[in-house]
Amino acid sequence: MNRRIGYGLAAVEGFLCWVVVGFSQENMTHVDNKVFPNPQRPAAVFQHEQHNEAAKIEDCGECHHVYKDGKKVENETSEDRRCSDCHGLKDKGAQPGLTKAFHLNCKGCHEKSGKGPIMCGQCHVK
């Protein structure tokens, strides 16, 4: 049983290494976490272009969303801004804080689609 778990973990790690090395994006390799005063984990590994190709995401607003009066604005994106431009470190009313926003957007999509990493160490690689 322990061998199976070990092989499974090795396969996941191998896959993540393959994704990271095999599909490098121009400049972005990690989600920027400089805004956090004392990050508890390393920045999440994220290869932007390769992620979108694999996930078949063509609409930038899918991730780079814009909300107005609590409703998502269709056909408008925030791709020219950083997540921290809108999301503070703490929740503000209905707007989630930055950590929660990342997890709701990224992990939430992975859970909904049944694809992609959902465990902490799969994104926050030491």
N, C-alpha and C. Protein backbone atom coordinates (compact mmCIF):
# COMPACT_ATOMS: atom_id res chain seq x y z
N MET A 1 0.83 -1.20 0.00
CA MET A 1 0.00 0.00 0.00
C MET A 1 0.87 1.26 0.00
N ASN A 2 1.91 1.26 0.87
CA ASN A 2 2.79 2.43 0.92
C ASN A 2 3.55 2.63 -0.38
N ARG A 3 3.88 1.51 -1.04
CA ARG A 3 4.56 1.61 -2.34
C ARG A 3 3.68 2.29 -3.37
N ARG A 4 2.40 1.94 -3.37
CA ARG A 4 1.46 2.54 -4.32
C ARG A 4 1.37 4.04 -4.10
N ILE A 5 1.29 4.44 -2.85
CA ILE A 5 1.22 5.87 -2.54
C ILE A 5 2.50 6.55 -3.00
N GLY A 6 3.64 5.92 -2.72
CA GLY A 6 4.93 6.47 -3.15
C GLY A 6 5.01 6.61 -4.66
N TYR A 7 4.57 5.58 -5.39
CA TYR A 7 4.57 5.66 -6.85
C TYR A 7 3.62 6.75 -7.34
N GLY A 8 2.48 6.87 -6.69
CA GLY A 8 1.52 7.90 -7.07
C GLY A 8 2.09 9.30 -6.87
N LEU A 9 2.72 9.50 -5.71
CA LEU A 9 3.34 10.80 -5.43
C LEU A 9 4.48 11.08 -6.41
N ALA A 10 5.27 10.07 -6.71
CA ALA A 10 6.37 10.25 -7.67
C ALA A 10 5.81 10.61 -9.04
N ALA A 11 4.71 9.99 -9.43
CA ALA A 11 4.10 10.30 -10.72
C ALA A 11 3.60 11.74 -10.77
N VAL A 12 2.97 12.18 -9.68
CA VAL A 12 2.49 13.56 -9.62
C VAL A 12 3.66 14.53 -9.68
N GLU A 13 4.71 14.27 -8.91
CA GLU A 13 5.89 15.13 -8.92
C GLU A 13 6.53 15.16 -10.30
N GLY A 14 6.62 14.00 -10.92
CA GLY A 14 7.19 13.92 -12.27
C GLY A 14 6.37 14.74 -13.26
N PHE A 15 5.06 14.61 -13.16
CA PHE A 15 4.18 15.37 -14.04
C PHE A 15 4.37 16.86 -13.83
N LEU A 16 4.41 17.30 -12.57
CA LEU A 16 4.58 18.73 -12.29
C LEU A 16 5.93 19.22 -12.81
N CYS A 17 6.98 18.43 -12.64
CA CYS A 17 8.30 18.81 -13.17
C CYS A 17 8.24 18.91 -14.69
N TRP A 18 7.57 17.97 -15.33
CA TRP A 18 7.42 17.98 -16.77
C TRP A 18 6.70 19.25 -17.22
N VAL A 19 5.64 19.60 -16.51
CA VAL A 19 4.88 20.80 -16.85
C VAL A 19 5.75 22.04 -16.66
N VAL A 20 6.46 22.11 -15.53
CA VAL A 20 7.27 23.28 -15.23
C VAL A 20 8.42 23.42 -16.22
N VAL A 21 9.15 22.35 -16.49
CA VAL A 21 10.31 22.41 -17.37
C VAL A 21 9.89 22.43 -18.83
N GLY A 22 8.96 21.58 -19.20
CA GLY A 22 8.59 21.43 -20.59
C GLY A 22 7.77 22.57 -21.15
N PHE A 23 7.12 23.30 -20.32
CA PHE A 23 6.24 24.36 -20.79
C PHE A 23 6.52 25.67 -20.07
N SER A 24 7.69 26.24 -20.27
CA SER A 24 8.00 27.49 -19.58
C SER A 24 7.39 28.66 -20.32
N GLN A 25 6.85 29.61 -19.58
CA GLN A 25 6.27 30.82 -20.16
C GLN A 25 7.36 31.87 -20.27
N GLU A 26 7.12 32.88 -21.06
CA GLU A 26 8.12 33.93 -21.28
C GLU A 26 8.74 34.40 -19.97
N ASN A 27 7.97 34.98 -19.09
CA ASN A 27 8.52 35.51 -17.85
C ASN A 27 7.91 34.93 -16.59
N MET A 28 6.68 34.51 -16.66
CA MET A 28 5.99 34.09 -15.44
C MET A 28 6.21 32.61 -15.14
N THR A 29 6.80 32.37 -13.99
CA THR A 29 7.00 30.99 -13.54
C THR A 29 6.33 30.74 -12.20
N HIS A 30 6.03 31.82 -11.47
CA HIS A 30 5.40 31.72 -10.16
C HIS A 30 4.39 32.85 -10.01
N VAL A 31 3.38 32.61 -9.21
CA VAL A 31 2.44 33.67 -8.86
C VAL A 31 3.17 34.64 -7.93
N ASP A 32 3.09 35.90 -8.21
CA ASP A 32 3.79 36.91 -7.41
C ASP A 32 3.21 36.96 -6.01
N ASN A 33 4.06 36.72 -5.02
CA ASN A 33 3.59 36.74 -3.63
C ASN A 33 4.30 37.81 -2.81
N LYS A 34 4.91 38.79 -3.47
CA LYS A 34 5.67 39.84 -2.76
C LYS A 34 4.80 40.70 -1.86
N VAL A 35 3.52 40.75 -2.12
CA VAL A 35 2.62 41.59 -1.32
C VAL A 35 2.40 41.01 0.09
N PHE A 36 2.65 39.71 0.25
CA PHE A 36 2.45 39.09 1.57
C PHE A 36 3.66 39.38 2.46
N PRO A 37 3.43 39.95 3.65
CA PRO A 37 4.55 40.31 4.52
C PRO A 37 5.35 39.08 5.00
N ASN A 38 4.69 38.00 5.35
CA ASN A 38 5.35 36.79 5.83
C ASN A 38 4.70 35.57 5.20
N PRO A 39 5.02 35.28 3.92
CA PRO A 39 4.38 34.12 3.28
C PRO A 39 4.66 32.84 4.05
N GLN A 40 3.63 32.03 4.24
CA GLN A 40 3.77 30.76 4.95
C GLN A 40 4.26 29.67 4.03
N ARG A 41 4.12 29.86 2.72
CA ARG A 41 4.53 28.86 1.73
C ARG A 41 5.25 29.57 0.60
N PRO A 42 6.04 28.82 -0.18
CA PRO A 42 6.66 29.44 -1.35
C PRO A 42 5.59 29.87 -2.35
N ALA A 43 5.96 30.79 -3.23
CA ALA A 43 5.03 31.23 -4.27
C ALA A 43 4.57 30.04 -5.09
N ALA A 44 3.32 30.06 -5.50
CA ALA A 44 2.77 28.97 -6.31
C ALA A 44 3.41 28.95 -7.68
N VAL A 45 3.82 27.77 -8.11
CA VAL A 45 4.37 27.59 -9.46
C VAL A 45 3.21 27.74 -10.43
N PHE A 46 3.42 28.55 -11.46
CA PHE A 46 2.34 28.77 -12.42
C PHE A 46 2.91 29.19 -13.76
N GLN A 47 2.73 28.36 -14.75
CA GLN A 47 3.17 28.64 -16.12
C GLN A 47 1.96 29.13 -16.90
N HIS A 48 1.80 30.41 -17.01
CA HIS A 48 0.59 31.04 -17.53
C HIS A 48 0.14 30.51 -18.88
N GLU A 49 0.94 30.64 -19.90
CA GLU A 49 0.53 30.25 -21.25
C GLU A 49 0.23 28.76 -21.34
N GLN A 50 1.09 27.95 -20.75
CA GLN A 50 0.91 26.51 -20.83
C GLN A 50 -0.32 26.06 -20.06
N HIS A 51 -0.58 26.73 -18.94
CA HIS A 51 -1.79 26.43 -18.17
C HIS A 51 -3.02 26.67 -19.04
N ASN A 52 -3.06 27.83 -19.67
CA ASN A 52 -4.23 28.18 -20.47
C ASN A 52 -4.41 27.27 -21.68
N GLU A 53 -3.30 26.86 -22.29
CA GLU A 53 -3.39 25.91 -23.40
C GLU A 53 -3.94 24.57 -22.92
N ALA A 54 -3.39 24.06 -21.83
CA ALA A 54 -3.82 22.76 -21.31
C ALA A 54 -5.28 22.80 -20.86
N ALA A 55 -5.67 23.92 -20.25
CA ALA A 55 -7.04 24.06 -19.74
C ALA A 55 -8.01 24.54 -20.82
N LYS A 56 -7.47 24.85 -22.00
CA LYS A 56 -8.28 25.35 -23.11
C LYS A 56 -9.03 26.62 -22.72
N ILE A 57 -8.32 27.53 -22.05
CA ILE A 57 -8.89 28.82 -21.65
C ILE A 57 -8.46 29.86 -22.68
N GLU A 58 -9.43 30.44 -23.35
CA GLU A 58 -9.14 31.47 -24.35
C GLU A 58 -9.62 32.85 -23.89
N ASP A 59 -10.58 32.87 -23.00
CA ASP A 59 -11.13 34.12 -22.49
C ASP A 59 -10.34 34.55 -21.26
N CYS A 60 -9.56 35.63 -21.37
CA CYS A 60 -8.74 36.09 -20.24
C CYS A 60 -9.59 36.40 -19.01
N GLY A 61 -10.83 36.85 -19.25
CA GLY A 61 -11.74 37.18 -18.16
C GLY A 61 -12.15 35.98 -17.32
N GLU A 62 -11.85 34.80 -17.82
CA GLU A 62 -12.13 33.58 -17.05
C GLU A 62 -11.40 33.63 -15.71
N CYS A 63 -10.17 34.09 -15.72
CA CYS A 63 -9.37 34.21 -14.49
C CYS A 63 -9.21 35.67 -14.08
N HIS A 64 -8.97 36.52 -15.07
CA HIS A 64 -8.75 37.95 -14.82
C HIS A 64 -10.11 38.66 -14.88
N HIS A 65 -10.90 38.43 -13.88
CA HIS A 65 -12.28 38.91 -13.86
C HIS A 65 -12.41 40.36 -13.37
N VAL A 66 -13.54 40.94 -13.64
CA VAL A 66 -13.88 42.26 -13.14
C VAL A 66 -15.28 42.17 -12.57
N TYR A 67 -15.44 42.66 -11.35
CA TYR A 67 -16.75 42.69 -10.71
C TYR A 67 -17.17 44.13 -10.47
N LYS A 68 -18.45 44.38 -10.66
CA LYS A 68 -19.01 45.71 -10.38
C LYS A 68 -20.33 45.49 -9.66
N ASP A 69 -20.49 46.10 -8.52
CA ASP A 69 -21.70 45.96 -7.71
C ASP A 69 -22.00 44.49 -7.40
N GLY A 70 -20.93 43.71 -7.19
CA GLY A 70 -21.08 42.30 -6.82
C GLY A 70 -21.38 41.35 -7.96
N LYS A 71 -21.38 41.86 -9.20
CA LYS A 71 -21.67 41.00 -10.35
C LYS A 71 -20.50 41.03 -11.33
N LYS A 72 -20.19 39.86 -11.90
CA LYS A 72 -19.11 39.77 -12.85
C LYS A 72 -19.49 40.53 -14.13
N VAL A 73 -18.58 41.38 -14.58
CA VAL A 73 -18.80 42.15 -15.80
C VAL A 73 -18.32 41.31 -16.98
N GLU A 74 -19.21 40.98 -17.88
CA GLU A 74 -18.87 40.17 -19.04
C GLU A 74 -18.05 40.98 -20.03
N ASN A 75 -17.17 40.32 -20.74
CA ASN A 75 -16.33 40.92 -21.78
C ASN A 75 -15.42 42.02 -21.27
N GLU A 76 -15.07 41.97 -19.99
CA GLU A 76 -14.11 42.93 -19.43
C GLU A 76 -13.11 42.13 -18.61
N THR A 77 -11.83 42.49 -18.72
CA THR A 77 -10.80 41.75 -17.99
C THR A 77 -9.95 42.69 -17.15
N SER A 78 -9.26 42.09 -16.20
CA SER A 78 -8.33 42.83 -15.35
C SER A 78 -6.90 42.38 -15.63
N GLU A 79 -6.66 41.89 -16.85
CA GLU A 79 -5.34 41.33 -17.17
C GLU A 79 -4.22 42.35 -17.13
N ASP A 80 -4.54 43.63 -17.16
CA ASP A 80 -3.51 44.67 -17.07
C ASP A 80 -3.22 45.09 -15.63
N ARG A 81 -3.84 44.41 -14.67
CA ARG A 81 -3.64 44.73 -13.25
C ARG A 81 -3.19 43.49 -12.49
N ARG A 82 -2.64 43.73 -11.32
CA ARG A 82 -2.26 42.63 -10.44
C ARG A 82 -3.47 42.28 -9.58
N CYS A 83 -3.54 41.06 -9.15
CA CYS A 83 -4.65 40.64 -8.28
C CYS A 83 -4.72 41.52 -7.04
N SER A 84 -3.54 41.89 -6.51
CA SER A 84 -3.48 42.70 -5.30
C SER A 84 -3.94 44.14 -5.52
N ASP A 85 -4.13 44.56 -6.78
CA ASP A 85 -4.68 45.89 -7.03
C ASP A 85 -6.14 45.97 -6.58
N CYS A 86 -6.83 44.85 -6.62
CA CYS A 86 -8.23 44.82 -6.20
C CYS A 86 -8.43 44.11 -4.87
N HIS A 87 -7.65 43.07 -4.64
CA HIS A 87 -7.81 42.25 -3.43
C HIS A 87 -6.75 42.63 -2.40
N GLY A 88 -7.22 43.06 -1.22
CA GLY A 88 -6.31 43.33 -0.11
C GLY A 88 -5.94 42.03 0.59
N LEU A 89 -5.15 42.15 1.63
CA LEU A 89 -4.74 40.95 2.36
C LEU A 89 -5.90 40.32 3.13
N LYS A 90 -6.85 41.13 3.53
CA LYS A 90 -8.01 40.65 4.30
C LYS A 90 -9.29 40.78 3.48
N ASP A 91 -10.28 39.97 3.83
CA ASP A 91 -11.60 40.08 3.21
C ASP A 91 -12.13 41.50 3.45
N LYS A 92 -12.85 42.02 2.46
CA LYS A 92 -13.47 43.35 2.60
C LYS A 92 -14.90 43.22 2.12
N GLY A 93 -15.82 43.02 3.05
CA GLY A 93 -17.20 42.78 2.67
C GLY A 93 -17.31 41.47 1.92
N ALA A 94 -17.93 41.50 0.75
CA ALA A 94 -18.08 40.29 -0.07
C ALA A 94 -16.82 39.98 -0.88
N GLN A 95 -15.89 40.92 -0.91
CA GLN A 95 -14.66 40.71 -1.69
C GLN A 95 -13.64 39.93 -0.86
N PRO A 96 -13.23 38.76 -1.37
CA PRO A 96 -12.28 37.96 -0.61
C PRO A 96 -10.89 38.58 -0.58
N GLY A 97 -10.17 38.33 0.51
CA GLY A 97 -8.78 38.73 0.60
C GLY A 97 -7.97 37.99 -0.44
N LEU A 98 -6.73 38.40 -0.64
CA LEU A 98 -5.90 37.89 -1.72
C LEU A 98 -5.69 36.38 -1.66
N THR A 99 -5.34 35.84 -0.52
CA THR A 99 -5.12 34.40 -0.42
C THR A 99 -6.39 33.64 -0.77
N LYS A 100 -7.49 34.07 -0.19
CA LYS A 100 -8.77 33.41 -0.46
C LYS A 100 -9.16 33.56 -1.93
N ALA A 101 -8.88 34.72 -2.51
CA ALA A 101 -9.21 34.95 -3.92
C ALA A 101 -8.44 34.00 -4.83
N PHE A 102 -7.14 33.83 -4.56
CA PHE A 102 -6.35 32.88 -5.35
C PHE A 102 -6.94 31.48 -5.22
N HIS A 103 -7.20 31.07 -3.99
CA HIS A 103 -7.68 29.71 -3.77
C HIS A 103 -9.08 29.50 -4.36
N LEU A 104 -9.96 30.47 -4.22
CA LEU A 104 -11.30 30.33 -4.80
C LEU A 104 -11.23 30.25 -6.32
N ASN A 105 -10.41 31.10 -6.91
CA ASN A 105 -10.32 31.16 -8.37
C ASN A 105 -9.58 29.95 -8.93
N CYS A 106 -8.39 29.69 -8.44
CA CYS A 106 -7.55 28.62 -9.01
C CYS A 106 -7.99 27.23 -8.53
N LYS A 107 -7.93 27.03 -7.24
CA LYS A 107 -8.28 25.72 -6.68
C LYS A 107 -9.75 25.40 -6.94
N GLY A 108 -10.60 26.43 -6.85
CA GLY A 108 -12.03 26.23 -7.11
C GLY A 108 -12.28 25.73 -8.52
N CYS A 109 -11.57 26.28 -9.49
CA CYS A 109 -11.71 25.84 -10.88
C CYS A 109 -11.20 24.41 -11.04
N HIS A 110 -10.08 24.10 -10.39
CA HIS A 110 -9.53 22.75 -10.47
C HIS A 110 -10.50 21.73 -9.88
N GLU A 111 -11.10 22.08 -8.76
CA GLU A 111 -12.07 21.16 -8.13
C GLU A 111 -13.30 20.99 -9.01
N LYS A 112 -13.79 22.09 -9.56
CA LYS A 112 -14.99 22.06 -10.40
C LYS A 112 -14.76 21.23 -11.67
N SER A 113 -13.60 21.40 -12.28
CA SER A 113 -13.31 20.69 -13.53
C SER A 113 -12.79 19.27 -13.29
N GLY A 114 -12.37 18.99 -12.06
CA GLY A 114 -11.80 17.68 -11.76
C GLY A 114 -10.41 17.51 -12.34
N LYS A 115 -9.75 18.63 -12.66
CA LYS A 115 -8.41 18.61 -13.24
C LYS A 115 -7.55 19.66 -12.56
N GLY A 116 -6.28 19.36 -12.46
CA GLY A 116 -5.33 20.32 -11.89
C GLY A 116 -5.09 20.06 -10.42
N PRO A 117 -4.02 20.66 -9.90
CA PRO A 117 -3.64 20.44 -8.50
C PRO A 117 -4.61 21.09 -7.52
N ILE A 118 -4.83 20.40 -6.41
CA ILE A 118 -5.68 20.96 -5.35
C ILE A 118 -5.02 20.87 -3.98
N MET A 119 -3.93 20.13 -3.87
CA MET A 119 -3.23 20.01 -2.59
C MET A 119 -2.17 21.12 -2.51
N CYS A 120 -1.93 21.63 -1.32
CA CYS A 120 -1.02 22.77 -1.11
C CYS A 120 0.32 22.58 -1.80
N GLY A 121 0.98 21.47 -1.52
CA GLY A 121 2.33 21.23 -2.02
C GLY A 121 2.41 21.01 -3.51
N GLN A 122 1.28 20.84 -4.17
CA GLN A 122 1.29 20.68 -5.63
C GLN A 122 1.49 22.01 -6.34
N CYS A 123 1.10 23.10 -5.72
CA CYS A 123 1.30 24.43 -6.29
C CYS A 123 2.46 25.15 -5.60
N HIS A 124 2.50 25.05 -4.28
CA HIS A 124 3.52 25.70 -3.49
C HIS A 124 4.70 24.75 -3.32
N VAL A 125 5.50 24.61 -4.37
CA VAL A 125 6.60 23.65 -4.40
C VAL A 125 7.83 24.27 -3.76
N LYS A 126 8.43 23.55 -2.82
CA LYS A 126 9.64 24.04 -2.16
C LYS A 126 10.84 23.86 -3.04
